[in-house]
Structures are given as structure tokens and as C-alpha cells.
Protein backbone atom coordinates (compact mmCIF):
# COMPACT_ATOMS: atom_id res chain seq x y z
CA MET A 1 49.04 75.56 68.34
CA ALA A 2 47.22 74.07 71.30
CA ARG A 3 48.56 70.77 72.57
CA VAL A 4 46.12 67.89 72.19
CA ALA A 5 45.54 65.80 75.31
CA PRO A 6 47.43 62.47 75.07
CA ALA A 7 44.28 60.37 75.45
CA LEU A 8 42.49 62.39 72.78
CA ALA A 9 45.44 62.01 70.42
CA ALA A 10 45.50 58.27 71.05
CA THR A 11 41.83 57.85 70.12
CA ARG A 12 42.29 59.86 66.93
CA THR A 13 45.39 57.93 65.90
CA ALA A 14 43.59 54.62 66.46
CA VAL A 15 40.60 55.68 64.35
CA ARG A 16 42.79 57.14 61.62
CA ALA A 17 44.38 53.73 61.05
CA GLU A 18 40.96 52.11 60.62
CA LEU A 19 39.73 54.72 58.14
CA ALA A 20 42.86 54.77 55.99
CA ASP A 21 41.66 52.17 53.47
CA LEU A 22 38.23 53.74 52.87
CA GLY A 23 37.61 55.57 49.63
CA PRO A 24 35.90 58.77 48.51
CA GLY A 25 32.27 58.90 49.59
CA ASP A 26 32.46 55.79 51.76
CA LEU A 27 30.21 55.89 54.82
CA VAL A 28 31.45 54.66 58.18
CA LEU A 29 28.99 54.20 61.05
CA VAL A 30 29.83 54.37 64.75
CA ALA A 31 27.86 52.10 67.07
CA CYS A 32 27.13 54.47 69.95
CA SER A 33 25.55 53.59 73.29
CA GLY A 34 26.19 56.95 74.94
CA GLY A 35 28.98 55.52 77.11
CA ALA A 36 32.49 56.94 77.24
CA ASP A 37 34.00 54.34 74.90
CA SER A 38 31.51 54.86 72.08
CA LEU A 39 31.32 58.65 72.47
CA ALA A 40 35.12 58.91 72.35
CA LEU A 41 34.94 56.78 69.22
CA ALA A 42 32.24 59.00 67.73
CA ALA A 43 34.26 62.13 68.44
CA ALA A 44 37.47 60.70 67.00
CA THR A 45 35.63 59.44 63.91
CA ALA A 46 33.97 62.81 63.33
CA HIS A 47 37.38 64.48 63.59
CA GLU A 48 39.33 62.04 61.42
CA SER A 49 36.65 61.64 58.73
CA ARG A 50 37.31 65.26 57.81
CA ARG A 51 40.98 64.51 57.23
CA VAL A 52 41.47 60.97 55.97
CA GLY A 53 41.88 60.93 52.19
CA ARG A 54 41.19 64.62 51.81
CA SER A 55 41.24 65.72 48.20
CA VAL A 56 43.38 68.82 47.76
CA ARG A 57 41.69 69.66 44.45
CA SER A 58 38.08 69.43 45.67
CA ARG A 59 38.83 70.33 49.29
CA GLY A 60 36.26 67.69 50.13
CA TYR A 61 36.38 64.70 52.45
CA ALA A 62 36.88 61.12 51.39
CA VAL A 63 34.90 59.59 54.24
CA ARG A 64 31.40 60.28 55.55
CA ALA A 65 30.68 59.47 59.18
CA GLY A 66 27.38 58.58 60.83
CA ALA A 67 26.17 56.70 63.88
CA VAL A 68 23.74 54.01 64.99
CA VAL A 69 22.25 54.04 68.47
CA VAL A 70 20.59 50.78 69.53
CA ASP A 71 17.99 50.94 72.30
CA HIS A 72 17.65 47.48 73.86
CA GLY A 73 14.69 48.53 76.00
CA LEU A 74 15.99 46.56 78.97
CA GLN A 75 16.05 49.44 81.46
CA ALA A 76 13.58 52.14 82.40
CA GLY A 77 14.42 55.31 80.51
CA SER A 78 16.47 53.55 77.84
CA ASP A 79 14.71 55.59 75.16
CA ASP A 80 15.92 58.81 76.82
CA VAL A 81 19.48 57.45 76.97
CA ALA A 82 19.31 56.58 73.27
CA ALA A 83 17.93 60.01 72.37
CA GLN A 84 20.72 61.75 74.31
CA ALA A 85 23.38 59.60 72.66
CA ALA A 86 21.95 60.42 69.24
CA ALA A 87 21.92 64.15 70.08
CA ARG A 88 25.56 64.06 71.10
CA CYS A 89 26.47 62.29 67.87
CA ARG A 90 24.65 64.95 65.85
CA ASP A 91 26.40 67.69 67.85
CA LEU A 92 29.71 66.10 66.82
CA GLY A 93 28.68 66.44 63.18
CA LEU A 94 27.84 62.82 62.44
CA ASP A 95 25.22 62.26 59.75
CA PRO A 96 23.15 60.16 59.41
CA VAL A 97 22.36 59.30 63.02
CA VAL A 98 19.91 56.40 63.28
CA VAL A 99 18.19 55.20 66.46
CA ARG A 100 16.88 51.63 66.43
CA ARG A 101 14.74 50.07 69.15
CA VAL A 102 15.11 46.28 69.34
CA GLU A 103 13.17 43.55 71.09
CA VAL A 104 15.34 41.30 73.25
CA ASP A 105 14.03 37.85 74.17
CA ALA A 106 14.61 37.80 77.92
CA GLY A 107 13.86 34.07 78.02
CA ALA A 108 16.20 33.06 75.22
CA ALA A 109 18.07 29.81 75.77
CA VAL A 110 21.37 31.54 75.06
CA GLY A 111 20.82 33.97 77.96
CA LEU A 112 19.91 37.64 78.17
CA GLU A 113 23.39 38.99 77.35
CA ALA A 114 23.75 36.86 74.23
CA ALA A 115 20.19 37.64 73.14
CA ALA A 116 20.85 41.37 73.52
CA ARG A 117 24.07 41.03 71.53
CA GLU A 118 22.29 39.18 68.72
CA ALA A 119 19.55 41.81 68.59
CA ARG A 120 22.13 44.61 68.59
CA TYR A 121 24.17 43.19 65.73
CA ALA A 122 21.03 42.46 63.73
CA ALA A 123 20.08 46.14 64.07
CA LEU A 124 23.58 47.31 63.15
CA ASP A 125 23.59 45.03 60.10
CA ALA A 126 20.19 46.30 59.00
CA VAL A 127 21.21 49.96 59.23
CA ALA A 128 24.55 49.29 57.53
CA ASP A 129 22.75 47.51 54.69
CA ALA A 130 20.16 50.26 54.34
CA THR A 131 22.74 53.05 54.27
CA GLY A 132 25.36 51.18 52.26
CA ALA A 133 27.98 51.68 54.98
CA ALA A 134 31.45 50.41 54.17
CA ALA A 135 32.37 49.88 57.83
CA VAL A 136 30.87 49.88 61.31
CA LEU A 137 33.11 50.95 64.18
CA LEU A 138 32.71 49.41 67.63
CA GLY A 139 34.07 50.93 70.83
CA HIS A 140 35.49 47.81 72.51
CA THR A 141 38.67 48.55 74.45
CA LEU A 142 41.64 46.59 75.71
CA ASP A 143 39.75 46.19 79.01
CA ASP A 144 36.85 44.55 77.15
CA GLN A 145 39.30 42.21 75.47
CA ALA A 146 40.80 41.15 78.80
CA GLU A 147 37.33 40.56 80.24
CA SER A 148 36.48 38.36 77.25
CA VAL A 149 39.55 36.22 77.89
CA LEU A 150 38.64 35.82 81.56
CA LEU A 151 35.07 34.83 80.69
CA GLY A 152 36.37 32.29 78.19
CA LEU A 153 38.71 30.81 80.79
CA ALA A 154 35.92 30.54 83.34
CA ARG A 155 33.69 28.73 80.84
CA GLY A 156 36.40 26.25 79.89
CA SER A 157 36.33 27.50 76.32
CA GLY A 158 38.82 26.66 73.59
CA ALA A 159 41.38 28.77 71.79
CA ARG A 160 38.83 30.51 69.56
CA SER A 161 36.95 31.91 72.55
CA LEU A 162 40.16 32.81 74.39
CA ALA A 163 41.32 34.65 71.28
CA GLY A 164 38.81 37.32 72.15
CA MET A 165 37.56 39.89 69.68
CA PRO A 166 39.34 40.47 66.36
CA ARG A 167 40.25 43.98 65.31
CA ARG A 168 38.31 43.42 62.10
CA ARG A 169 35.61 40.96 61.07
CA GLY A 170 33.65 41.66 57.93
CA ARG A 171 32.36 45.23 58.03
CA TYR A 172 33.03 45.53 61.77
CA ARG A 173 36.16 47.27 63.07
CA ARG A 174 37.39 47.89 66.62
CA PRO A 175 39.87 50.79 66.63
CA PHE A 176 40.21 50.93 70.44
CA LEU A 177 41.35 47.36 71.20
CA GLY A 178 44.77 48.77 72.06
CA LEU A 179 43.43 51.51 74.36
CA ARG A 180 42.37 51.34 78.00
CA ARG A 181 38.93 52.39 79.13
CA ALA A 182 40.50 55.17 81.19
CA GLN A 183 41.82 56.70 77.97
CA THR A 184 38.38 56.91 76.39
CA GLU A 185 37.04 58.61 79.51
CA ALA A 186 39.98 61.03 79.49
CA ALA A 187 39.31 61.80 75.81
CA CYS A 188 35.67 62.64 76.55
CA THR A 189 36.73 64.80 79.48
CA ALA A 190 39.20 66.68 77.29
CA LEU A 191 36.39 67.44 74.84
CA GLY A 192 33.88 68.35 77.53
CA ILE A 193 31.58 65.48 76.51
CA GLY A 194 29.45 63.98 79.25
CA TRP A 195 28.72 60.28 78.99
CA TRP A 196 26.14 57.84 80.29
CA THR A 197 27.25 55.10 82.68
CA ASP A 198 25.27 51.87 82.68
CA PRO A 199 23.95 51.51 86.25
CA THR A 200 24.67 47.78 86.19
CA ASN A 201 28.36 48.68 85.94
CA LEU A 202 28.13 50.92 89.00
CA VAL A 203 26.13 48.49 91.13
CA PRO A 204 27.34 44.98 90.26
CA ASP A 205 25.00 43.26 92.72
CA ALA A 206 21.90 45.29 91.91
CA GLY A 207 18.74 43.44 90.98
CA PRO A 208 15.05 43.27 91.75
CA SER A 209 15.81 43.25 95.49
CA ALA A 210 17.46 46.66 95.10
CA GLY A 211 14.12 48.22 94.21
CA GLY A 212 13.55 46.97 90.71
CA THR A 213 14.97 50.03 88.91
CA VAL A 214 18.33 48.47 88.06
CA PRO A 215 18.46 45.06 86.37
CA ALA A 216 20.75 42.34 87.61
CA ALA A 217 24.31 43.06 86.54
CA PRO A 218 25.56 41.13 83.51
CA LEU A 219 28.34 38.66 84.18
CA ARG A 220 30.82 40.84 82.28
CA SER A 221 30.01 43.77 84.56
CA ARG A 222 30.66 41.65 87.64
CA VAL A 223 33.98 40.48 86.20
CA ARG A 224 34.88 44.12 85.52
CA ALA A 225 33.97 45.31 89.01
CA ALA A 226 35.08 42.39 91.17
CA VAL A 227 37.55 40.15 89.35
CA VAL A 228 39.82 42.43 87.33
CA PRO A 229 40.74 44.72 90.26
CA VAL A 230 41.78 41.70 92.34
CA LEU A 231 43.92 40.32 89.52
CA GLU A 232 45.63 43.67 89.02
CA ASP A 233 46.20 44.00 92.76
CA VAL A 234 47.70 40.51 93.11
CA LEU A 235 49.43 40.03 89.75
CA GLY A 236 50.35 43.60 88.95
CA PRO A 237 49.05 46.55 86.92
CA GLY A 238 50.03 44.95 83.59
CA THR A 239 47.56 42.08 83.95
CA VAL A 240 44.93 43.53 81.61
CA GLU A 241 47.53 44.13 78.90
CA ALA A 242 48.90 40.60 79.36
CA LEU A 243 45.43 39.07 78.97
CA ALA A 244 44.85 41.03 75.77
CA ARG A 245 48.28 39.98 74.49
CA THR A 246 47.33 36.35 75.15
CA ALA A 247 44.24 36.85 73.02
CA ASP A 248 46.36 38.17 70.15
CA LEU A 249 48.67 35.16 70.30
CA LEU A 250 45.85 32.64 70.49
CA ARG A 251 44.00 34.31 67.62
CA ASP A 252 46.83 33.47 65.22
CA ASP A 253 46.75 29.84 66.34
CA ALA A 254 42.96 29.67 66.17
CA ASP A 255 42.90 31.19 62.68
CA LEU A 256 45.28 28.51 61.39
CA LEU A 257 43.37 25.67 63.05
CA ASP A 258 40.07 26.99 61.71
CA ARG A 259 41.44 27.01 58.16
CA LEU A 260 42.69 23.45 58.52
CA ALA A 261 39.37 22.38 60.06
CA ALA A 262 37.47 23.95 57.17
CA ASP A 263 39.61 21.93 54.77
CA LEU A 264 38.85 18.76 56.76
CA LEU A 265 35.13 19.54 56.69
CA GLY A 266 35.29 19.98 52.93
CA ARG A 267 37.02 16.62 52.46
CA ALA A 268 34.58 14.84 54.78
CA ARG A 269 31.48 16.23 53.09
CA THR A 270 29.74 13.62 50.92
CA VAL A 271 26.46 14.98 49.52
CA ALA A 272 24.70 18.33 49.35
CA GLY A 273 21.16 18.83 50.64
CA ASP A 274 19.18 19.90 53.67
CA GLU A 275 21.41 17.84 55.94
CA VAL A 276 25.14 18.12 56.51
CA VAL A 277 26.44 14.64 55.63
CA LEU A 278 30.01 13.74 56.53
CA ASP A 279 32.20 10.69 56.00
CA VAL A 280 33.04 9.22 59.42
CA ALA A 281 36.34 7.60 58.36
CA THR A 282 37.72 10.91 57.08
CA LEU A 283 36.84 12.59 60.36
CA ALA A 284 38.15 9.76 62.54
CA ASP A 285 41.57 9.83 60.85
CA ALA A 286 42.05 13.53 61.60
CA PRO A 287 43.76 14.94 64.71
CA ALA A 288 41.27 15.60 67.50
CA ALA A 289 41.84 19.37 67.47
CA LEU A 290 40.86 19.59 63.80
CA ARG A 291 38.07 17.02 63.98
CA ARG A 292 36.34 18.75 66.88
CA ARG A 293 36.58 22.13 65.17
CA ALA A 294 35.14 20.64 62.01
CA LEU A 295 32.28 19.08 63.96
CA ARG A 296 31.42 22.37 65.63
CA ALA A 297 31.48 24.11 62.25
CA ALA A 298 29.17 21.41 60.88
CA ALA A 299 26.78 21.97 63.79
CA LEU A 300 26.67 25.69 63.09
CA GLU A 301 26.05 24.95 59.42
CA ALA A 302 23.11 22.80 60.48
CA GLY A 303 21.59 25.78 62.25
CA CYS A 304 22.91 25.51 65.80
CA PRO A 305 23.26 28.95 67.46
CA PRO A 306 26.98 29.62 68.11
CA ALA A 307 26.48 30.90 71.65
CA ALA A 308 24.46 27.81 72.63
CA THR A 309 26.75 25.23 71.02
CA THR A 310 29.02 24.18 73.87
CA VAL A 311 31.82 21.70 74.40
CA ARG A 312 29.21 19.22 75.65
CA HIS A 313 27.56 19.17 72.24
CA VAL A 314 30.89 18.81 70.46
CA ASP A 315 31.77 15.93 72.82
CA ALA A 316 28.55 14.16 71.87
CA LEU A 317 29.23 14.63 68.15
CA ASP A 318 32.80 13.43 68.57
CA ALA A 319 31.54 10.32 70.34
CA LEU A 320 29.47 9.46 67.25
CA VAL A 321 32.71 9.50 65.28
CA VAL A 322 35.31 7.89 67.56
CA SER A 323 33.25 6.05 70.21
CA TRP A 324 30.45 4.58 68.14
CA SER A 325 28.43 1.91 69.97
CA GLY A 326 25.03 2.23 68.34
CA GLN A 327 23.88 5.24 70.37
CA GLY A 328 20.86 7.17 69.23
CA PRO A 329 20.59 10.69 67.82
CA VAL A 330 22.32 13.61 69.49
CA HIS A 331 20.06 16.58 70.26
CA LEU A 332 21.71 19.87 69.39
CA PRO A 333 20.83 23.53 70.05
CA GLY A 334 18.28 25.07 67.73
CA ASP A 335 16.42 21.73 67.59
CA ALA A 336 18.99 20.25 65.23
CA ARG A 337 19.80 16.54 65.34
CA ALA A 338 22.85 14.43 64.58
CA ARG A 339 22.94 10.70 63.95
CA ARG A 340 25.33 8.14 62.53
CA ALA A 341 24.35 5.58 59.89
CA CYS A 342 26.19 3.57 57.26
CA GLY A 343 29.58 5.15 57.89
CA ARG A 344 28.23 8.68 57.67
CA LEU A 345 27.35 11.39 60.13
CA PHE A 346 24.08 13.22 59.44
CA LEU A 347 23.40 16.64 60.95
CA ALA A 348 19.83 17.79 60.26
CA PRO A 349 18.53 21.31 60.85
CA ALA A 350 15.35 21.81 62.85
CA ARG A 351 12.45 19.85 61.32
CA ALA A 352 14.63 18.78 58.36
CA GLY A 353 15.12 15.13 57.72
CA ARG A 354 12.86 14.06 60.59
CA ASP A 355 10.97 11.69 58.31
CA ARG A 356 14.10 10.27 56.73
CA VAL A 357 15.41 8.35 59.71
CA PRO A 358 17.14 5.17 58.44
CA PRO A 359 15.92 1.76 59.58
CA ALA A 360 16.94 0.56 63.01
CA SER A 361 19.43 -1.90 61.56
CA ALA A 362 21.20 0.91 59.73
CA THR A 363 21.44 3.10 62.83
CA THR A 364 22.94 0.41 65.02
CA GLN A 365 25.26 -1.40 62.60
CA GLU A 366 27.91 -0.41 60.09
């Protein structure tokens, strides 16, 4: 029996663990960009779907495997890249294979990367809903996890951001969070699968001045090309693994604090309606770590986009609770508003509650 390449075996083992709880006839979709990570994931999923939960009596397979290819349309020839990725997925035996073109708002307030991510997940959700998929597999690796931690540190983010990406969230699963990017490339090489490399990863400083054919490199790509190699050179080759391990540890802490903050938000809530209305005294008595988490959750509930809701907005909300001096409304992302009146904090979604502003005396006195 031929020996399986170590990297190939590692990808299959990782996928097998994520398919183990799926039942007969369940469909799992692989999000495939045509890069090494997602093609290695597609290959491993195609292989393992024929084995996980196999019924001896029917000699059938418990799990069906398909793929979704999202074309962001941000680079010239992106439709060709998507078509090639889809063809490779079909060659691997995945079915169905769906290609979705999305429109990315290049001028979005959250930035191009976040806008592309939102469009991508919206497309993945739509295909998963339409096909009834039980799970969607994403090809993020341990390297991606480490880069997420570094980006969170640079932005001054809290524990939730530094916790990186979870292995599972809803229908989404990330089998490769314990594998290095080099392993996914080695797995593709072992199978003779060629992969597409995003030119922004090869040319971190490329942009319009480079001829206009390669868009400016995303921040993550620049971290990958310029920051991580320096850290590994100075701190040692285990730096990437250590950063990912930090994310795992912080995720446990963040999960606990989020549960406690959700309980605080529930106790502070006073009335139901278009606005989120919270009792100030209940919030003020809580530890700052829980109160601030609860306030951010309330902002998201009021319609604030997560990527655009920063520590500055949470600071302003917190000031309405613990540093009240009659200040006016706080403007929040997504055109939401927050104001304090009569011992309560009101968070109104865009255009909601604009005509229900309390009298001046109520907004400046309690």
C-alpha cells in the first residue's frame, strides 16, 4: 500500500474530525478560492466524504460534498480564476459546485477588506440556504490565525478580537486551524493539483503605480509578507504557533465574559421596541469589562456594523453611563444614535426614534 504524504494525511485527518458528526445525506460545502488552502481542503473533503459514516449495508456514503466559489470581481480576470477553481473542484468529484459573483462596495465605511468579507459570507450563506447544506468548510490555517492576532494587537482590540477565529461558528467550520500554510501547499503538490496565488500576496507593495493590474495589497497580505517573517527570525520559528495558542487561550476567556455580558444586558433591558432601552444604574454597578461588552452588544443590536464599531464608540457609550454630564447624543456606525434620559440609555437604529427625542430638560437632568 502506497504511503500517503504526511501533509496530505494531516489535511485528511483534520477534515475527518469535522465531518464525523454529520449524518446520512448531509451536504457539506467547501468555500474554494482556487488557492492552495482551499484546494487542499476541497481534496481532503472529497476524499473523506466517501468514507465518513459509510454504511456497510448500502455501501453508500453518509456525507455529500460540494463547493462554492465566490468571485469578488476585484481583479482583472477574476472570473477566469473562479471558473478554474470550480473546474478543479468538479475534477475532485465535488457536486454541486456553485460559482457566485458578488458586488463589493469599494467605498464602504468599513473598508474594502471588510466589505469583501461581508459580501463573501452573504454569498456563502445564500448558497448554503439554497442547497440545505449542513456545514460550510473554510480553509483558514494556523498562519491565518496568527495574522488575525497580530492585526488585533495592532488595532488595540480587546480579547474577543485577539481570540481570533473559532474552529466552529454556526454552520461554518475551519478544519485547518491547526495546520500551517506550507502543509496545504505540500498536500496540493502531493496530489498534483496546481493552485492560484493571489498577486497581492506576491507583491505586497503593488498598487496603481505598479501598472494598475494588481490592486493594493490588503493589510493582512502585508502582515504575512513583511511582519511575520521578521517575528519568526527574531523570536524563533515557533512564533506563529505561539500566537495561535494565545488565541485559543483568550477565546475561552472571551466566551465566558460574553456570556456574563449577555446576562448583564438582559438584566439592564427595560422595554421592548424599536430602540434598545437599558437601565443605567444596572449597567453602572457592573464591572467595566462586562459593562463595556454589554454596551457593544447593545450597539450591534441597534444595527451598528460589527467591523465599524470600535473602542471609540464603546468609550462614548460608557461615558453616557459612568461620566454623565448632560452630553448630547452619541453618533454610532450605521447611523444609529444613543442618548441618555431619565435614568435610561436609549440606542436607536437608523431613522428609528428620531422624532421621539425627549424634552431638553429630560436629556440634561436626571
